[in-house]
Amino acid sequence: MNVDQIVTYVTTHGIDLVVKIAAALAMWFGGRWVIGIIGRLIEKALGRGGKIDPTLAKYLLSIIKAVMTVGLAIGIIGYLGVETTSFAALLAGAGLAIGTAWGGLLQHFAAGAFIQLLRPFKVGDYVNAGGVEGTVAELGLFGTTILTPDNVTTTIGNSKVFSEIIKNFSTQPYRRVDAVAKIANGVDPVTAIAALKPVIAAIPNVLATPAPDVDILELTAEGPKLCVRPYCHTDHYWQVYFDTLRAVVETFGKAGLPTPETPLATRQVEKKA
């Protein structure tokens, strides 16, 4: 094709081509805007009445929006003159190739579907999943987002979440706080237990039923170990945990109950280090 032919083609078809491209761009951005509106309406409909769990609602919404976006892209390609039947075959072939190359993504997707079906946790639950502990913020198509206690947003692949142990701390109405108190040899454990029990029970957010457990856990060369185990709701776990440790120190101090001292040899090694 020489220069004259190129000029002739541009002058005769250039305007139509520009108009089609501009229309395609308008259709894309307009379609995305409409998909956003439809998505918000569906989200409101799914959340109305609280009949559908927020986790399932977000998962369904992600799938619906993805399908609408693919449909929009195919429609625009058809408008530009590309045969959609040929494109569908090409898309299927590309999908097979991509699926083979990115099999891990399909595993994450399948695991996400099983998580929705089996429901080991939901949005808002405090869990330990995929080696990460925190509050479930979102369950996506391919990954689960967890907000850790130090306020870090962490996303784990669904296949990792589903293939490992999942601990859900929000399923039961309460959980146990585990703390240990050591007393020196010569101190009567019964006296220490009697001093601790009412103090631990009086800590804010500690449940009366079941009552806190304070008892002898282990006998060591330095002195007995006491288990101190109050019960509370998951939301109050760390507050109760720290308050329990503080209560042990203050109670033993006021009652004059000594704790085991570090052996002299150990203190000397620590001092040299």
C-alpha atoms as a PDB file:
ATOM      1  CA  MET A   1       0.000   0.000   0.000  1.00  0.00           C
ATOM      2  CA  ASN A   2       1.561   3.300  -1.123  1.00  0.00           C
ATOM      3  CA  VAL A   3       1.238   6.717   0.440  1.00  0.00           C
ATOM      4  CA  ASP A   4      -1.674   7.766  -1.774  1.00  0.00           C
ATOM      5  CA  GLN A   5      -3.656   4.691  -0.824  1.00  0.00           C
ATOM      6  CA  ILE A   6      -2.969   5.293   2.872  1.00  0.00           C
ATOM      7  CA  VAL A   7      -4.109   8.902   2.573  1.00  0.00           C
ATOM      8  CA  THR A   8      -7.229   7.841   0.693  1.00  0.00           C
ATOM      9  CA  TYR A   9      -8.075   5.204   3.351  1.00  0.00           C
ATOM     10  CA  VAL A  10      -7.572   7.650   6.215  1.00  0.00           C
ATOM     11  CA  THR A  11      -9.683  10.346   4.560  1.00  0.00           C
ATOM     12  CA  THR A  12     -12.515   7.965   3.727  1.00  0.00           C
ATOM     13  CA  HIS A  13     -12.521   5.739   6.833  1.00  0.00           C
ATOM     14  CA  GLY A  14     -10.575   7.737   9.419  1.00  0.00           C
ATOM     15  CA  ILE A  15     -13.555   9.620  10.788  1.00  0.00           C
ATOM     16  CA  ASP A  16     -15.615   6.432  11.125  1.00  0.00           C
ATOM     17  CA  LEU A  17     -12.708   4.724  12.903  1.00  0.00           C
ATOM     18  CA  VAL A  18     -12.239   7.617  15.332  1.00  0.00           C
ATOM     19  CA  VAL A  19     -15.954   7.724  16.027  1.00  0.00           C
ATOM     20  CA  LYS A  20     -16.036   3.967  16.687  1.00  0.00           C
ATOM     21  CA  ILE A  21     -13.059   4.134  19.039  1.00  0.00           C
ATOM     22  CA  ALA A  22     -14.554   7.099  20.881  1.00  0.00           C
ATOM     23  CA  ALA A  23     -17.889   5.294  21.126  1.00  0.00           C
ATOM     24  CA  ALA A  24     -16.177   2.143  22.381  1.00  0.00           C
ATOM     25  CA  LEU A  25     -14.377   4.113  25.094  1.00  0.00           C
ATOM     26  CA  ALA A  26     -17.638   5.810  26.057  1.00  0.00           C
ATOM     27  CA  MET A  27     -19.352   2.421  26.201  1.00  0.00           C
ATOM     28  CA  TRP A  28     -16.565   1.031  28.408  1.00  0.00           C
ATOM     29  CA  PHE A  29     -16.537   3.852  30.946  1.00  0.00           C
ATOM     30  CA  GLY A  30     -20.322   4.206  30.834  1.00  0.00           C
ATOM     31  CA  GLY A  31     -20.743   0.465  31.221  1.00  0.00           C
ATOM     32  CA  ARG A  32     -18.373   0.369  34.185  1.00  0.00           C
ATOM     33  CA  TRP A  33     -20.363   3.191  35.779  1.00  0.00           C
ATOM     34  CA  VAL A  34     -23.623   1.294  35.234  1.00  0.00           C
ATOM     35  CA  ILE A  35     -22.050  -1.908  36.614  1.00  0.00           C
ATOM     36  CA  GLY A  36     -21.051   0.053  39.703  1.00  0.00           C
ATOM     37  CA  ILE A  37     -24.632   1.272  40.182  1.00  0.00           C
ATOM     38  CA  ILE A  38     -26.055  -2.215  39.636  1.00  0.00           C
ATOM     39  CA  GLY A  39     -23.479  -3.612  42.053  1.00  0.00           C
ATOM     40  CA  ARG A  40     -24.520  -1.170  44.768  1.00  0.00           C
ATOM     41  CA  LEU A  41     -28.194  -1.986  44.220  1.00  0.00           C
ATOM     42  CA  ILE A  42     -27.495  -5.718  44.419  1.00  0.00           C
ATOM     43  CA  GLU A  43     -25.406  -5.159  47.555  1.00  0.00           C
ATOM     44  CA  LYS A  44     -28.280  -3.305  49.198  1.00  0.00           C
ATOM     45  CA  ALA A  45     -30.746  -5.999  48.132  1.00  0.00           C
ATOM     46  CA  LEU A  46     -28.550  -8.783  49.492  1.00  0.00           C
ATOM     47  CA  GLY A  47     -28.017  -6.961  52.770  1.00  0.00           C
ATOM     48  CA  ARG A  48     -31.668  -6.039  53.256  1.00  0.00           C
ATOM     49  CA  GLY A  49     -33.228  -7.801  56.211  1.00  0.00           C
ATOM     50  CA  GLY A  50     -30.013  -9.490  57.247  1.00  0.00           C
ATOM     51  CA  LYS A  51     -31.091 -12.785  55.658  1.00  0.00           C
ATOM     52  CA  ILE A  52     -27.825 -13.242  53.731  1.00  0.00           C
ATOM     53  CA  ASP A  53     -24.502 -13.304  55.546  1.00  0.00           C
ATOM     54  CA  PRO A  54     -22.234 -10.316  54.645  1.00  0.00           C
ATOM     55  CA  THR A  55     -19.417 -12.696  53.691  1.00  0.00           C
ATOM     56  CA  LEU A  56     -21.607 -14.589  51.203  1.00  0.00           C
ATOM     57  CA  ALA A  57     -23.072 -11.321  49.898  1.00  0.00           C
ATOM     58  CA  LYS A  58     -19.616  -9.915  49.079  1.00  0.00           C
ATOM     59  CA  TYR A  59     -18.584 -13.152  47.418  1.00  0.00           C
ATOM     60  CA  LEU A  60     -21.698 -13.248  45.214  1.00  0.00           C
ATOM     61  CA  LEU A  61     -21.324  -9.571  44.367  1.00  0.00           C
ATOM     62  CA  SER A  62     -17.725 -10.103  43.216  1.00  0.00           C
ATOM     63  CA  ILE A  63     -18.812 -12.912  40.877  1.00  0.00           C
ATOM     64  CA  ILE A  64     -21.729 -10.907  39.446  1.00  0.00           C
ATOM     65  CA  LYS A  65     -19.585  -7.840  38.758  1.00  0.00           C
ATOM     66  CA  ALA A  66     -16.872  -9.963  37.125  1.00  0.00           C
ATOM     67  CA  VAL A  67     -19.430 -11.608  34.808  1.00  0.00           C
ATOM     68  CA  MET A  68     -20.965  -8.237  33.857  1.00  0.00           C
ATOM     69  CA  THR A  69     -17.516  -6.789  33.111  1.00  0.00           C
ATOM     70  CA  VAL A  70     -16.641  -9.709  30.809  1.00  0.00           C
ATOM     71  CA  GLY A  71     -19.998  -9.325  29.037  1.00  0.00           C
ATOM     72  CA  LEU A  72     -19.369  -5.615  28.552  1.00  0.00           C
ATOM     73  CA  ALA A  73     -15.931  -6.270  27.059  1.00  0.00           C
ATOM     74  CA  ILE A  74     -17.338  -8.846  24.603  1.00  0.00           C
ATOM     75  CA  GLY A  75     -20.125  -6.451  23.593  1.00  0.00           C
ATOM     76  CA  ILE A  76     -17.660  -3.636  22.866  1.00  0.00           C
ATOM     77  CA  ILE A  77     -15.445  -5.955  20.834  1.00  0.00           C
ATOM     78  CA  GLY A  78     -18.482  -7.002  18.793  1.00  0.00           C
ATOM     79  CA  TYR A  79     -19.365  -3.348  18.215  1.00  0.00           C
ATOM     80  CA  LEU A  80     -15.871  -2.736  16.819  1.00  0.00           C
ATOM     81  CA  GLY A  81     -16.503  -5.366  14.179  1.00  0.00           C
ATOM     82  CA  VAL A  82     -14.709  -8.346  15.650  1.00  0.00           C
ATOM     83  CA  GLU A  83     -16.651 -11.599  15.285  1.00  0.00           C
ATOM     84  CA  THR A  84     -17.710 -12.518  18.808  1.00  0.00           C
ATOM     85  CA  THR A  85     -18.016 -16.198  17.903  1.00  0.00           C
ATOM     86  CA  SER A  86     -14.387 -16.260  16.875  1.00  0.00           C
ATOM     87  CA  PHE A  87     -13.528 -14.187  19.923  1.00  0.00           C
ATOM     88  CA  ALA A  88     -15.391 -16.604  22.192  1.00  0.00           C
ATOM     89  CA  ALA A  89     -13.373 -19.507  20.779  1.00  0.00           C
ATOM     90  CA  LEU A  90     -10.194 -17.486  21.191  1.00  0.00           C
ATOM     91  CA  LEU A  91     -11.219 -16.593  24.747  1.00  0.00           C
ATOM     92  CA  ALA A  92     -11.898 -20.240  25.543  1.00  0.00           C
ATOM     93  CA  GLY A  93      -8.491 -21.253  24.214  1.00  0.00           C
ATOM     94  CA  ALA A  94      -6.811 -18.433  26.081  1.00  0.00           C
ATOM     95  CA  GLY A  95      -8.730 -19.379  29.193  1.00  0.00           C
ATOM     96  CA  LEU A  96      -7.476 -22.945  28.938  1.00  0.00           C
ATOM     97  CA  ALA A  97      -3.897 -21.752  28.518  1.00  0.00           C
ATOM     98  CA  ILE A  98      -4.193 -19.253  31.337  1.00  0.00           C
ATOM     99  CA  GLY A  99      -5.927 -21.835  33.528  1.00  0.00           C
ATOM    100  CA  THR A 100      -3.064 -24.255  32.981  1.00  0.00           C
ATOM    101  CA  ALA A 101      -0.437 -21.605  33.631  1.00  0.00           C
ATOM    102  CA  TRP A 102      -2.258 -20.083  36.571  1.00  0.00           C
ATOM    103  CA  GLY A 103      -3.751 -23.169  38.151  1.00  0.00           C
ATOM    104  CA  GLY A 104      -3.094 -21.715  41.577  1.00  0.00           C
ATOM    105  CA  LEU A 105      -5.709 -19.023  40.985  1.00  0.00           C
ATOM    106  CA  LEU A 106      -8.312 -21.676  40.203  1.00  0.00           C
ATOM    107  CA  GLN A 107      -7.368 -23.473  43.418  1.00  0.00           C
ATOM    108  CA  HIS A 108      -7.903 -20.241  45.363  1.00  0.00           C
ATOM    109  CA  PHE A 109     -11.281 -19.753  43.637  1.00  0.00           C
ATOM    110  CA  ALA A 110     -12.411 -23.325  44.396  1.00  0.00           C
ATOM    111  CA  ALA A 111     -11.228 -23.035  47.995  1.00  0.00           C
ATOM    112  CA  GLY A 112     -13.183 -19.781  48.356  1.00  0.00           C
ATOM    113  CA  ALA A 113     -16.310 -21.548  47.141  1.00  0.00           C
ATOM    114  CA  PHE A 114     -15.825 -24.335  49.701  1.00  0.00           C
ATOM    115  CA  ILE A 115     -15.239 -21.771  52.459  1.00  0.00           C
ATOM    116  CA  GLN A 116     -18.581 -20.199  51.548  1.00  0.00           C
ATOM    117  CA  LEU A 117     -20.253 -23.607  51.539  1.00  0.00           C
ATOM    118  CA  LEU A 118     -18.795 -24.946  54.793  1.00  0.00           C
ATOM    119  CA  ARG A 119     -18.745 -21.572  56.587  1.00  0.00           C
ATOM    120  CA  PRO A 120     -15.839 -22.056  59.042  1.00  0.00           C
ATOM    121  CA  PHE A 121     -15.926 -18.275  59.625  1.00  0.00           C
ATOM    122  CA  LYS A 122     -17.649 -15.100  58.471  1.00  0.00           C
ATOM    123  CA  VAL A 123     -16.785 -11.414  58.149  1.00  0.00           C
ATOM    124  CA  GLY A 124     -16.183  -9.943  61.608  1.00  0.00           C
ATOM    125  CA  ASP A 125     -15.003 -13.195  63.226  1.00  0.00           C
ATOM    126  CA  TYR A 126     -11.660 -13.280  65.046  1.00  0.00           C
ATOM    127  CA  VAL A 127      -9.735 -16.213  63.593  1.00  0.00           C
ATOM    128  CA  ASN A 128      -6.371 -17.808  63.054  1.00  0.00           C
ATOM    129  CA  ALA A 129      -6.348 -18.895  59.407  1.00  0.00           C
ATOM    130  CA  GLY A 130      -3.485 -19.546  57.036  1.00  0.00           C
ATOM    131  CA  GLY A 131      -1.055 -18.777  59.844  1.00  0.00           C
ATOM    132  CA  VAL A 132      -2.493 -15.270  60.357  1.00  0.00           C
ATOM    133  CA  GLU A 133      -4.527 -14.203  63.392  1.00  0.00           C
ATOM    134  CA  GLY A 134      -6.970 -11.310  63.348  1.00  0.00           C
ATOM    135  CA  THR A 135     -10.453 -10.153  62.366  1.00  0.00           C
ATOM    136  CA  VAL A 136     -11.878 -11.269  59.013  1.00  0.00           C
ATOM    137  CA  ALA A 137     -12.410  -8.143  56.906  1.00  0.00           C
ATOM    138  CA  GLU A 138     -13.328  -9.677  53.548  1.00  0.00           C
ATOM    139  CA  LEU A 139     -13.618 -12.990  51.737  1.00  0.00           C
ATOM    140  CA  GLY A 140     -12.747 -12.407  48.075  1.00  0.00           C
ATOM    141  CA  LEU A 141     -12.784 -14.595  44.996  1.00  0.00           C
ATOM    142  CA  PHE A 142      -9.173 -15.629  45.449  1.00  0.00           C
ATOM    143  CA  GLY A 143      -8.105 -14.469  48.897  1.00  0.00           C
ATOM    144  CA  THR A 144      -9.250 -13.799  52.453  1.00  0.00           C
ATOM    145  CA  THR A 145      -8.392 -10.430  54.006  1.00  0.00           C
ATOM    146  CA  ILE A 146      -7.649 -10.354  57.729  1.00  0.00           C
ATOM    147  CA  LEU A 147      -6.989  -7.290  59.897  1.00  0.00           C
ATOM    148  CA  THR A 148      -4.349  -8.289  62.454  1.00  0.00           C
ATOM    149  CA  PRO A 149      -4.306  -6.912  66.032  1.00  0.00           C
ATOM    150  CA  ASP A 150      -1.425  -4.561  65.126  1.00  0.00           C
ATOM    151  CA  ASN A 151      -3.693  -2.995  62.450  1.00  0.00           C
ATOM    152  CA  VAL A 152      -2.066  -4.579  59.397  1.00  0.00           C
ATOM    153  CA  THR A 153      -4.331  -5.630  56.524  1.00  0.00           C
ATOM    154  CA  THR A 154      -3.192  -9.083  55.394  1.00  0.00           C
ATOM    155  CA  THR A 155      -4.511 -11.066  52.419  1.00  0.00           C
ATOM    156  CA  ILE A 156      -4.033 -14.850  52.292  1.00  0.00           C
ATOM    157  CA  GLY A 157      -4.812 -17.089  49.320  1.00  0.00           C
ATOM    158  CA  ASN A 158      -8.002 -19.064  49.880  1.00  0.00           C
ATOM    159  CA  SER A 159      -6.296 -22.378  49.120  1.00  0.00           C
ATOM    160  CA  LYS A 160      -3.799 -21.755  51.928  1.00  0.00           C
ATOM    161  CA  VAL A 161      -6.607 -20.799  54.298  1.00  0.00           C
ATOM    162  CA  PHE A 162      -8.676 -23.872  53.440  1.00  0.00           C
ATOM    163  CA  SER A 163      -5.766 -26.350  53.472  1.00  0.00           C
ATOM    164  CA  GLU A 164      -4.492 -25.380  56.932  1.00  0.00           C
ATOM    165  CA  ILE A 165      -5.967 -25.400  60.432  1.00  0.00           C
ATOM    166  CA  ILE A 166      -8.638 -22.732  61.010  1.00  0.00           C
ATOM    167  CA  LYS A 167      -9.266 -21.498  64.546  1.00  0.00           C
ATOM    168  CA  ASN A 168     -12.403 -19.427  65.018  1.00  0.00           C
ATOM    169  CA  PHE A 169     -12.336 -17.618  68.363  1.00  0.00           C
ATOM    170  CA  SER A 170     -15.749 -16.010  67.807  1.00  0.00           C
ATOM    171  CA  THR A 171     -17.845 -19.158  67.484  1.00  0.00           C
ATOM    172  CA  GLN A 172     -18.183 -19.776  71.224  1.00  0.00           C
ATOM    173  CA  PRO A 173     -19.637 -17.165  73.602  1.00  0.00           C
ATOM    174  CA  TYR A 174     -16.423 -16.982  75.663  1.00  0.00           C
ATOM    175  CA  ARG A 175     -12.782 -18.089  75.690  1.00  0.00           C
ATOM    176  CA  ARG A 176     -10.181 -18.800  78.368  1.00  0.00           C
ATOM    177  CA  VAL A 177      -7.253 -16.528  79.181  1.00  0.00           C
ATOM    178  CA  ASP A 178      -4.152 -18.524  80.129  1.00  0.00           C
ATOM    179  CA  ALA A 179      -1.647 -16.942  82.542  1.00  0.00           C
ATOM    180  CA  VAL A 180       0.947 -18.416  84.895  1.00  0.00           C
ATOM    181  CA  ALA A 181       2.034 -17.142  88.324  1.00  0.00           C
ATOM    182  CA  LYS A 182       5.153 -18.462  90.078  1.00  0.00           C
ATOM    183  CA  ILE A 183       5.663 -18.394  93.833  1.00  0.00           C
ATOM    184  CA  ALA A 184       8.818 -19.124  95.786  1.00  0.00           C
ATOM    185  CA  ASN A 185       9.498 -22.300  97.746  1.00  0.00           C
ATOM    186  CA  GLY A 186       8.167 -21.974 101.267  1.00  0.00           C
ATOM    187  CA  VAL A 187       5.091 -19.998 100.210  1.00  0.00           C
ATOM    188  CA  ASP A 188       1.844 -21.817 100.895  1.00  0.00           C
ATOM    189  CA  PRO A 189       0.126 -22.284  97.488  1.00  0.00           C
ATOM    190  CA  VAL A 190      -3.282 -22.396  99.160  1.00  0.00           C
ATOM    191  CA  THR A 191      -2.686 -18.936 100.640  1.00  0.00           C
ATOM    192  CA  ALA A 192      -1.590 -17.584  97.244  1.00  0.00           C
ATOM    193  CA  ILE A 193      -4.621 -19.106  95.522  1.00  0.00           C
ATOM    194  CA  ALA A 194      -7.008 -17.682  98.141  1.00  0.00           C
ATOM    195  CA  ALA A 195      -5.478 -14.224  97.679  1.00  0.00           C
ATOM    196  CA  LEU A 196      -5.674 -14.331  93.879  1.00  0.00           C
ATOM    197  CA  LYS A 197      -9.165 -15.729  93.278  1.00  0.00           C
ATOM    198  CA  PRO A 198     -11.280 -12.746  94.398  1.00  0.00           C
ATOM    199  CA  VAL A 199      -8.944 -10.267  92.691  1.00  0.00           C
ATOM    200  CA  ILE A 200      -9.072 -12.105  89.358  1.00  0.00           C
ATOM    201  CA  ALA A 201     -12.855 -12.457  89.583  1.00  0.00           C
ATOM    202  CA  ALA A 202     -13.181  -8.686  90.078  1.00  0.00           C
ATOM    203  CA  ILE A 203     -11.307  -7.785  86.860  1.00  0.00           C
ATOM    204  CA  PRO A 204     -13.637  -5.970  84.417  1.00  0.00           C
ATOM    205  CA  ASN A 205     -15.211  -8.217  81.735  1.00  0.00           C
ATOM    206  CA  VAL A 206     -14.222 -11.455  83.512  1.00  0.00           C
ATOM    207  CA  LEU A 207     -17.202 -13.825  83.491  1.00  0.00           C
ATOM    208  CA  ALA A 208     -18.691 -15.111  86.709  1.00  0.00           C
ATOM    209  CA  THR A 209     -19.733 -18.335  84.970  1.00  0.00           C
ATOM    210  CA  PRO A 210     -17.560 -20.205  84.395  1.00  0.00           C
ATOM    211  CA  ALA A 211     -15.604 -18.930  87.379  1.00  0.00           C
ATOM    212  CA  PRO A 212     -11.876 -18.210  87.018  1.00  0.00           C
ATOM    213  CA  ASP A 213      -9.558 -21.164  87.593  1.00  0.00           C
ATOM    214  CA  VAL A 214      -6.637 -20.594  89.987  1.00  0.00           C
ATOM    215  CA  ASP A 215      -4.785 -23.738  91.014  1.00  0.00           C
ATOM    216  CA  ILE A 216      -1.414 -25.477  91.173  1.00  0.00           C
ATOM    217  CA  LEU A 217      -0.184 -26.158  87.655  1.00  0.00           C
ATOM    218  CA  GLU A 218       3.310 -27.532  88.226  1.00  0.00           C
ATOM    219  CA  LEU A 219       5.937 -28.028  90.916  1.00  0.00           C
ATOM    220  CA  THR A 220       9.398 -26.765  89.963  1.00  0.00           C
ATOM    221  CA  ALA A 221      12.765 -26.447  91.672  1.00  0.00           C
ATOM    222  CA  GLU A 222      12.243 -22.679  92.067  1.00  0.00           C
ATOM    223  CA  GLY A 223       8.737 -23.024  93.450  1.00  0.00           C
ATOM    224  CA  PRO A 224       5.164 -23.934  92.472  1.00  0.00           C
ATOM    225  CA  LYS A 225       3.548 -22.594  89.315  1.00  0.00           C
ATOM    226  CA  LEU A 226      -0.052 -21.507  89.531  1.00  0.00           C
ATOM    227  CA  CYS A 227      -2.385 -21.447  86.555  1.00  0.00           C
ATOM    228  CA  VAL A 228      -4.536 -18.312  86.456  1.00  0.00           C
ATOM    229  CA  ARG A 229      -7.372 -18.747  83.964  1.00  0.00           C
ATOM    230  CA  PRO A 230     -10.245 -16.273  83.819  1.00  0.00           C
ATOM    231  CA  TYR A 231     -12.913 -16.477  81.086  1.00  0.00           C
ATOM    232  CA  CYS A 232     -14.139 -13.611  78.913  1.00  0.00           C
ATOM    233  CA  HIS A 233     -15.573 -12.710  75.506  1.00  0.00           C
ATOM    234  CA  THR A 234     -13.086 -12.604  72.615  1.00  0.00           C
ATOM    235  CA  ASP A 235     -13.492  -8.821  72.298  1.00  0.00           C
ATOM    236  CA  HIS A 236     -12.051  -8.385  75.803  1.00  0.00           C
ATOM    237  CA  TYR A 237      -9.300 -11.022  75.631  1.00  0.00           C
ATOM    238  CA  TRP A 238      -6.214  -8.793  75.650  1.00  0.00           C
ATOM    239  CA  GLN A 239      -7.637  -6.386  78.223  1.00  0.00           C
ATOM    240  CA  VAL A 240      -8.345  -9.291  80.584  1.00  0.00           C
ATOM    241  CA  TYR A 241      -4.975 -10.890  79.831  1.00  0.00           C
ATOM    242  CA  PHE A 242      -2.942  -7.794  80.744  1.00  0.00           C
ATOM    243  CA  ASP A 243      -5.152  -6.973  83.723  1.00  0.00           C
ATOM    244  CA  THR A 244      -4.647 -10.531  84.990  1.00  0.00           C
ATOM    245  CA  LEU A 245      -0.847 -10.252  84.885  1.00  0.00           C
ATOM    246  CA  ARG A 246      -1.008  -6.873  86.625  1.00  0.00           C
ATOM    247  CA  ALA A 247      -3.346  -8.290  89.283  1.00  0.00           C
ATOM    248  CA  VAL A 248      -0.935 -11.163  90.017  1.00  0.00           C
ATOM    249  CA  VAL A 249       1.993  -8.782  90.566  1.00  0.00           C
ATOM    250  CA  GLU A 250      -0.020  -6.352  92.724  1.00  0.00           C
ATOM    251  CA  THR A 251      -1.680  -9.085  94.791  1.00  0.00           C
ATOM    252  CA  PHE A 252       1.550 -10.908  95.568  1.00  0.00           C
ATOM    253  CA  GLY A 253       3.213  -7.615  96.423  1.00  0.00           C
ATOM    254  CA  LYS A 254       0.488  -6.519  98.845  1.00  0.00           C
ATOM    255  CA  ALA A 255       0.283  -9.963 100.472  1.00  0.00           C
ATOM    256  CA  GLY A 256       4.054 -10.188 100.834  1.00  0.00           C
ATOM    257  CA  LEU A 257       4.251 -13.402  98.829  1.00  0.00           C
ATOM    258  CA  PRO A 258       7.734 -13.691  97.295  1.00  0.00           C
ATOM    259  CA  THR A 259       8.336 -14.977  93.774  1.00  0.00           C
ATOM    260  CA  PRO A 260      11.310 -17.151  92.825  1.00  0.00           C
ATOM    261  CA  GLU A 261      14.579 -15.234  92.577  1.00  0.00           C
ATOM    262  CA  THR A 262      16.945 -15.684  89.666  1.00  0.00           C
ATOM    263  CA  PRO A 263      19.840 -17.943  90.771  1.00  0.00           C
ATOM    264  CA  LEU A 264      23.089 -16.068  91.495  1.00  0.00           C
ATOM    265  CA  ALA A 265      24.995 -17.834  88.703  1.00  0.00           C
ATOM    266  CA  THR A 266      22.335 -16.906  86.174  1.00  0.00           C
ATOM    267  CA  ARG A 267      22.377 -13.250  87.290  1.00  0.00           C
ATOM    268  CA  GLN A 268      26.160 -13.114  86.900  1.00  0.00           C
ATOM    269  CA  VAL A 269      25.994 -14.540  83.368  1.00  0.00           C
ATOM    270  CA  GLU A 270      23.290 -12.010  82.436  1.00  0.00           C
ATOM    271  CA  LYS A 271      25.392  -9.171  83.913  1.00  0.00           C
ATOM    272  CA  LYS A 272      28.448 -10.168  81.834  1.00  0.00           C
ATOM    273  CA  ALA A 273      26.360 -10.378  78.694  1.00  0.00           C
END
